[in-house]
Amino acid sequence: MELERITQQVASLARKAGAFIRQEGKKFNRETVEQKGFNDLVSYVDKGAEEIIVKGLSEILPEAGFITEEGTKSDTDQELTWIVDPLDGTTNFVHGIPMFAVSIALAQGTDILSGVVYEINLDECFVAYKGAAATCNGKAIRVSKADQLADSLVATGFPYNDGGKTAKYLELLSYFLKSTHGLRRLGSAAVDLCYVACGRVEGYLEYNLQSYDIAAGTLIVKQAGGEISDFSGGNNYLFGGQILASNAKIHKDLLAAIESNFEL
C-alpha cells in the first residue's frame, strides 16, 4: 500500500467533512439533536459527515471494511478496516463550544497504519502513517520534553457510563490536581491525543471509550514520539476501553498514579 498517498487523500476527505460540519454549525438548531443514550448525543450533522466520509473512503480503498460511530457502514470481516468518528466532540458542537474534530484511521487488526484528525475550529489537520513523522498542517510535531509530573499538564474525560467507578476516578484526578500543572477536559478524545502529540499536554487518560474515539490519535501520538497503553501498561487500549497517552517521559509516573488511586 502507498500509505503516504492514501493518508493524503484521507486528510483531504477529513477537511471536506469538516467544511460540511463547519457550515452546518452556523445554522444548527439544538432541537434536532437525538439521544443514543444518557448524555450520548447525535445530530444529523454527525450522520451527514459520516456519509461523506464513508463514500470517500470506499473510493480510496474499496477492499477495506468499516467501523463507524453512527453505523453508516459496518463491515469488520476484511483484512483492513476504516475506523471513523465523523464528529468527535458532538456535545461541544451541540452547545457551540469550539472543540470538535473528524477522526479517521486505517487499521490492520489492532495495528493502526494511518491516522488523520482534523480539528475544525482551529483548522488543524493532524496526520500520521507508519514510517513517517506525525505532522500538523504539514509541519512535523513532537511530544513535550517535560520529564516530571510537576511540570506536566494532563487531559482527561468522563464516560457516559462509568460502571460505578466515578468516586475512585475522582480520587485519581484529585491526585493529578495536586501533583501537576492541572487538568483539562476538552471534550474530544481525538483532540486530547493530538495535543499530547504536539506537546500542548504531557498526558491524557480516559476510560469507557470506543475504538473510533481514539484510533487515529493513538498513531499520531506514537509517530510524534509518545507512548500509548491501557491503564495497566499493556496494549489493550484500542478495543479495551482504557487509554493512557503520554510524552513517554512521564508514562511510568502516570501508571503508578493510576495503580495507587484507581480500581482497574
Protein backbone atom coordinates (compact mmCIF):
# COMPACT_ATOMS: atom_id res chain seq x y z
CA MET A 1 0.00 0.00 0.00
CA GLU A 2 1.06 3.55 -0.67
CA LEU A 3 0.37 4.81 2.83
CA GLU A 4 1.57 8.34 2.12
CA ARG A 5 -0.78 8.76 -0.84
CA ILE A 6 -3.71 7.15 0.99
CA THR A 7 -3.16 9.33 4.06
CA GLN A 8 -3.04 12.50 1.98
CA GLN A 9 -6.34 11.53 0.37
CA VAL A 10 -7.87 10.85 3.78
CA ALA A 11 -6.68 14.22 5.06
CA SER A 12 -8.40 15.94 2.12
CA LEU A 13 -11.57 13.96 2.85
CA ALA A 14 -11.45 14.90 6.55
CA ARG A 15 -11.22 18.55 5.57
CA LYS A 16 -14.21 18.10 3.24
CA ALA A 17 -16.29 16.59 6.03
CA GLY A 18 -15.05 19.32 8.37
CA ALA A 19 -16.21 22.01 5.94
CA PHE A 20 -19.67 20.43 5.98
CA ILE A 21 -19.71 20.40 9.79
CA ARG A 22 -18.49 24.00 9.96
CA GLN A 23 -21.17 25.19 7.54
CA GLU A 24 -23.97 23.33 9.31
CA GLY A 25 -22.79 24.66 12.64
CA LYS A 26 -23.65 28.19 11.55
CA LYS A 27 -27.35 27.32 11.37
CA PHE A 28 -27.55 24.39 13.77
CA ASN A 29 -30.68 24.02 15.91
CA ARG A 30 -30.31 22.06 19.16
CA GLU A 31 -33.89 20.85 18.82
CA THR A 32 -32.74 18.48 16.07
CA VAL A 33 -30.46 16.55 18.46
CA GLU A 34 -31.18 12.90 19.26
CA GLN A 35 -30.03 10.88 22.26
CA LYS A 36 -28.48 7.46 21.67
CA GLY A 37 -28.23 7.10 25.44
CA PHE A 38 -27.94 9.28 28.53
CA ASN A 39 -25.72 12.25 27.59
CA ASP A 40 -24.77 10.43 24.36
CA LEU A 41 -25.87 12.87 21.67
CA VAL A 42 -26.09 12.60 17.89
CA SER A 43 -27.29 15.01 15.23
CA TYR A 44 -27.99 14.99 11.52
CA VAL A 45 -24.59 16.67 11.19
CA ASP A 46 -22.78 13.60 12.60
CA LYS A 47 -24.69 11.37 10.22
CA GLY A 48 -24.21 13.62 7.20
CA ALA A 49 -20.47 13.92 7.83
CA GLU A 50 -20.18 10.16 8.20
CA GLU A 51 -21.94 9.60 4.88
CA ILE A 52 -19.44 11.93 3.18
CA ILE A 53 -16.53 10.11 4.79
CA VAL A 54 -17.72 6.58 4.09
CA LYS A 55 -18.38 7.37 0.44
CA GLY A 56 -14.94 8.91 0.05
CA LEU A 57 -13.10 6.12 1.87
CA SER A 58 -14.88 3.48 -0.21
CA GLU A 59 -13.38 5.12 -3.29
CA ILE A 60 -9.90 5.40 -1.79
CA LEU A 61 -9.68 1.75 -0.66
CA PRO A 62 -12.69 -0.28 -1.85
CA GLU A 63 -11.48 -3.52 -0.24
CA ALA A 64 -11.43 -2.17 3.33
CA GLY A 65 -14.15 -2.73 5.92
CA PHE A 66 -15.61 -0.18 8.32
CA ILE A 67 -16.18 0.58 11.98
CA THR A 68 -18.25 3.77 12.15
CA GLU A 69 -19.77 5.54 15.14
CA GLU A 70 -23.14 6.23 13.54
CA GLY A 71 -23.43 2.88 11.75
CA THR A 72 -23.50 4.24 8.19
CA LYS A 73 -21.49 1.17 7.20
CA SER A 74 -20.31 -1.76 9.31
CA ASP A 75 -18.03 -4.46 7.96
CA THR A 76 -15.26 -5.84 10.17
CA ASP A 77 -14.52 -9.04 8.24
CA GLN A 78 -11.89 -7.53 5.97
CA GLU A 79 -8.12 -7.50 6.48
CA LEU A 80 -8.13 -3.70 6.50
CA THR A 81 -10.67 -1.58 8.37
CA TRP A 82 -11.50 2.10 8.36
CA ILE A 83 -12.31 3.33 11.89
CA VAL A 84 -14.35 6.52 11.69
CA ASP A 85 -15.68 9.12 14.10
CA PRO A 86 -17.27 11.79 11.91
CA LEU A 87 -17.67 14.30 14.74
CA ASP A 88 -15.72 13.62 17.90
CA GLY A 89 -16.96 16.13 20.44
CA THR A 90 -20.63 16.15 19.48
CA THR A 91 -21.69 17.60 22.83
CA ASN A 92 -19.29 20.51 22.30
CA PHE A 93 -20.70 21.02 18.80
CA VAL A 94 -24.30 20.95 20.01
CA HIS A 95 -23.57 23.56 22.69
CA GLY A 96 -21.49 25.78 20.44
CA ILE A 97 -18.20 25.08 22.18
CA PRO A 98 -15.42 25.28 19.56
CA MET A 99 -13.60 21.99 20.15
CA PHE A 100 -14.55 19.05 17.91
CA ALA A 101 -12.92 17.02 15.19
CA VAL A 102 -13.14 14.47 12.40
CA SER A 103 -11.18 11.29 13.16
CA ILE A 104 -10.29 8.64 10.55
CA ALA A 105 -7.91 5.69 10.91
CA LEU A 106 -6.92 2.74 8.75
CA ALA A 107 -6.29 -0.42 10.76
CA GLN A 108 -4.97 -3.91 10.11
CA GLY A 109 -6.37 -5.80 13.08
CA THR A 110 -5.32 -3.70 16.07
CA ASP A 111 -2.39 -2.17 14.20
CA ILE A 112 -3.14 1.40 13.06
CA LEU A 113 -1.47 2.10 9.72
CA SER A 114 -2.71 5.63 9.08
CA GLY A 115 -4.46 8.28 11.14
CA VAL A 116 -5.97 11.70 10.48
CA VAL A 117 -7.62 14.03 12.99
CA TYR A 118 -8.97 17.32 11.67
CA GLU A 119 -9.82 19.84 14.40
CA ILE A 120 -12.30 22.03 12.61
CA ASN A 121 -12.32 25.25 14.61
CA LEU A 122 -8.57 25.90 14.55
CA ASP A 123 -8.23 24.36 11.08
CA GLU A 124 -5.55 21.95 12.33
CA CYS A 125 -5.09 18.70 10.46
CA PHE A 126 -3.01 16.16 12.40
CA VAL A 127 -1.66 13.34 10.25
CA ALA A 128 0.44 10.22 10.73
CA TYR A 129 1.21 7.00 8.93
CA LYS A 130 3.57 4.13 9.65
CA GLY A 131 7.16 5.04 8.90
CA ALA A 132 6.78 8.80 8.91
CA ALA A 133 6.79 11.63 11.43
CA ALA A 134 3.47 12.99 12.67
CA THR A 135 2.52 16.38 11.31
CA CYS A 136 0.06 19.22 11.85
CA ASN A 137 -0.81 21.16 8.71
CA GLY A 138 2.28 19.70 7.08
CA LYS A 139 4.76 20.58 9.83
CA ALA A 140 6.39 17.89 11.96
CA ILE A 141 5.24 17.71 15.57
CA ARG A 142 6.84 16.18 18.66
CA VAL A 143 5.72 15.44 22.19
CA SER A 144 6.77 17.59 25.13
CA LYS A 145 10.17 17.12 26.75
CA ALA A 146 8.85 17.52 30.31
CA ASP A 147 10.01 14.61 32.45
CA GLN A 148 8.27 15.33 35.75
CA LEU A 149 4.59 15.25 36.70
CA ALA A 150 5.11 18.55 38.46
CA ASP A 151 5.92 20.15 35.11
CA SER A 152 3.09 18.46 33.21
CA LEU A 153 -0.45 19.29 32.12
CA VAL A 154 -2.85 16.33 31.98
CA ALA A 155 -6.03 15.97 29.93
CA THR A 156 -8.91 13.65 30.74
CA GLY A 157 -12.55 12.90 30.01
CA PHE A 158 -15.59 11.48 31.74
CA PRO A 159 -17.53 8.47 30.41
CA TYR A 160 -21.26 8.42 29.73
CA ASN A 161 -21.50 5.08 31.56
CA ASP A 162 -18.79 4.69 34.17
CA GLY A 163 -19.69 1.32 35.67
CA GLY A 164 -19.72 2.74 39.21
CA LYS A 165 -16.12 3.97 39.08
CA THR A 166 -16.75 7.71 39.38
CA ALA A 167 -15.69 8.06 43.02
CA LYS A 168 -12.35 6.32 42.53
CA TYR A 169 -11.73 8.19 39.29
CA LEU A 170 -12.27 11.48 41.07
CA GLU A 171 -9.69 10.40 43.66
CA LEU A 172 -7.23 9.82 40.84
CA LEU A 173 -8.00 13.20 39.29
CA SER A 174 -7.61 14.83 42.70
CA TYR A 175 -4.10 13.36 42.85
CA PHE A 176 -3.26 14.87 39.48
CA LEU A 177 -4.67 18.24 40.51
CA LYS A 178 -2.20 18.29 43.39
CA SER A 179 0.83 16.94 41.52
CA THR A 180 0.71 18.53 38.03
CA HIS A 181 0.16 21.89 36.36
CA GLY A 182 -3.51 20.95 36.31
CA LEU A 183 -6.22 19.04 34.46
CA ARG A 184 -8.04 19.83 31.23
CA ARG A 185 -11.31 18.33 29.96
CA LEU A 186 -11.54 19.35 26.29
CA GLY A 187 -14.46 17.14 25.28
CA SER A 188 -12.81 15.33 22.36
CA ALA A 189 -10.60 12.30 22.86
CA ALA A 190 -9.22 12.67 19.34
CA VAL A 191 -8.08 16.22 20.08
CA ASP A 192 -6.72 15.25 23.51
CA LEU A 193 -4.43 12.71 21.84
CA CYS A 194 -3.27 15.20 19.22
CA TYR A 195 -2.48 17.70 21.95
CA VAL A 196 -0.24 15.08 23.57
CA ALA A 197 1.40 14.54 20.18
CA CYS A 198 2.19 18.21 19.63
CA GLY A 199 3.31 18.89 23.20
CA ARG A 200 0.42 21.02 24.45
CA VAL A 201 -0.30 18.49 27.19
CA GLU A 202 2.02 15.83 28.57
CA GLY A 203 -0.56 13.15 29.35
CA TYR A 204 -4.11 12.05 28.65
CA LEU A 205 -6.22 9.32 30.24
CA GLU A 206 -9.81 8.18 29.94
CA TYR A 207 -11.90 5.00 30.17
CA ASN A 208 -15.04 3.58 28.56
CA LEU A 209 -14.06 4.87 25.15
CA GLN A 210 -14.70 3.29 21.76
CA SER A 211 -12.14 2.50 19.07
CA TYR A 212 -13.40 5.26 16.79
CA ASP A 213 -12.71 7.86 19.51
CA ILE A 214 -9.01 7.10 19.69
CA ALA A 215 -7.77 5.03 16.73
CA ALA A 216 -6.31 7.84 14.63
CA GLY A 217 -4.95 9.75 17.61
CA THR A 218 -3.01 6.79 19.00
CA LEU A 219 -0.87 6.54 15.88
CA ILE A 220 -0.34 10.30 15.80
CA VAL A 221 0.97 10.17 19.39
CA LYS A 222 3.29 7.25 18.62
CA GLN A 223 4.70 8.82 15.47
CA ALA A 224 5.33 12.03 17.43
CA GLY A 225 7.48 10.13 19.96
CA GLY A 226 4.84 9.46 22.61
CA GLU A 227 3.65 6.32 24.36
CA ILE A 228 0.23 4.66 24.45
CA SER A 229 -1.05 1.94 26.78
CA ASP A 230 -4.07 0.79 28.72
CA PHE A 231 -4.30 1.58 32.43
CA SER A 232 -2.19 -1.49 33.28
CA GLY A 233 0.60 -0.57 30.90
CA GLY A 234 -0.47 -3.14 28.32
CA ASN A 235 -1.57 -2.86 24.71
CA ASN A 236 -5.31 -3.48 25.11
CA TYR A 237 -6.34 0.12 24.50
CA LEU A 238 -7.94 0.18 21.05
CA PHE A 239 -10.86 -2.08 21.95
CA GLY A 240 -10.27 -2.42 25.71
CA GLY A 241 -11.95 0.79 26.81
CA GLN A 242 -8.97 2.31 28.66
CA ILE A 243 -6.30 4.60 27.28
CA LEU A 244 -3.27 6.34 28.69
CA ALA A 245 -1.21 8.54 26.38
CA SER A 246 1.90 10.49 27.28
CA ASN A 247 5.10 12.04 26.07
CA ALA A 248 6.74 8.74 27.20
CA LYS A 249 8.89 10.51 29.82
CA ILE A 250 6.12 10.58 32.45
CA HIS A 251 4.33 7.39 31.43
CA LYS A 252 5.61 5.31 34.36
CA ASP A 253 4.58 8.02 36.81
CA LEU A 254 1.09 8.17 35.31
CA LEU A 255 0.77 4.38 35.54
CA ALA A 256 1.92 4.42 39.15
CA ALA A 257 -0.68 7.07 40.00
CA ILE A 258 -3.42 5.00 38.37
CA GLU A 259 -2.36 1.85 40.21
CA SER A 260 -2.38 3.68 43.56
CA ASN A 261 -5.57 5.69 43.14
CA PHE A 262 -7.92 3.83 40.80
CA GLU A 263 -9.51 0.37 40.73
CA LEU A 264 -8.85 -1.19 37.32
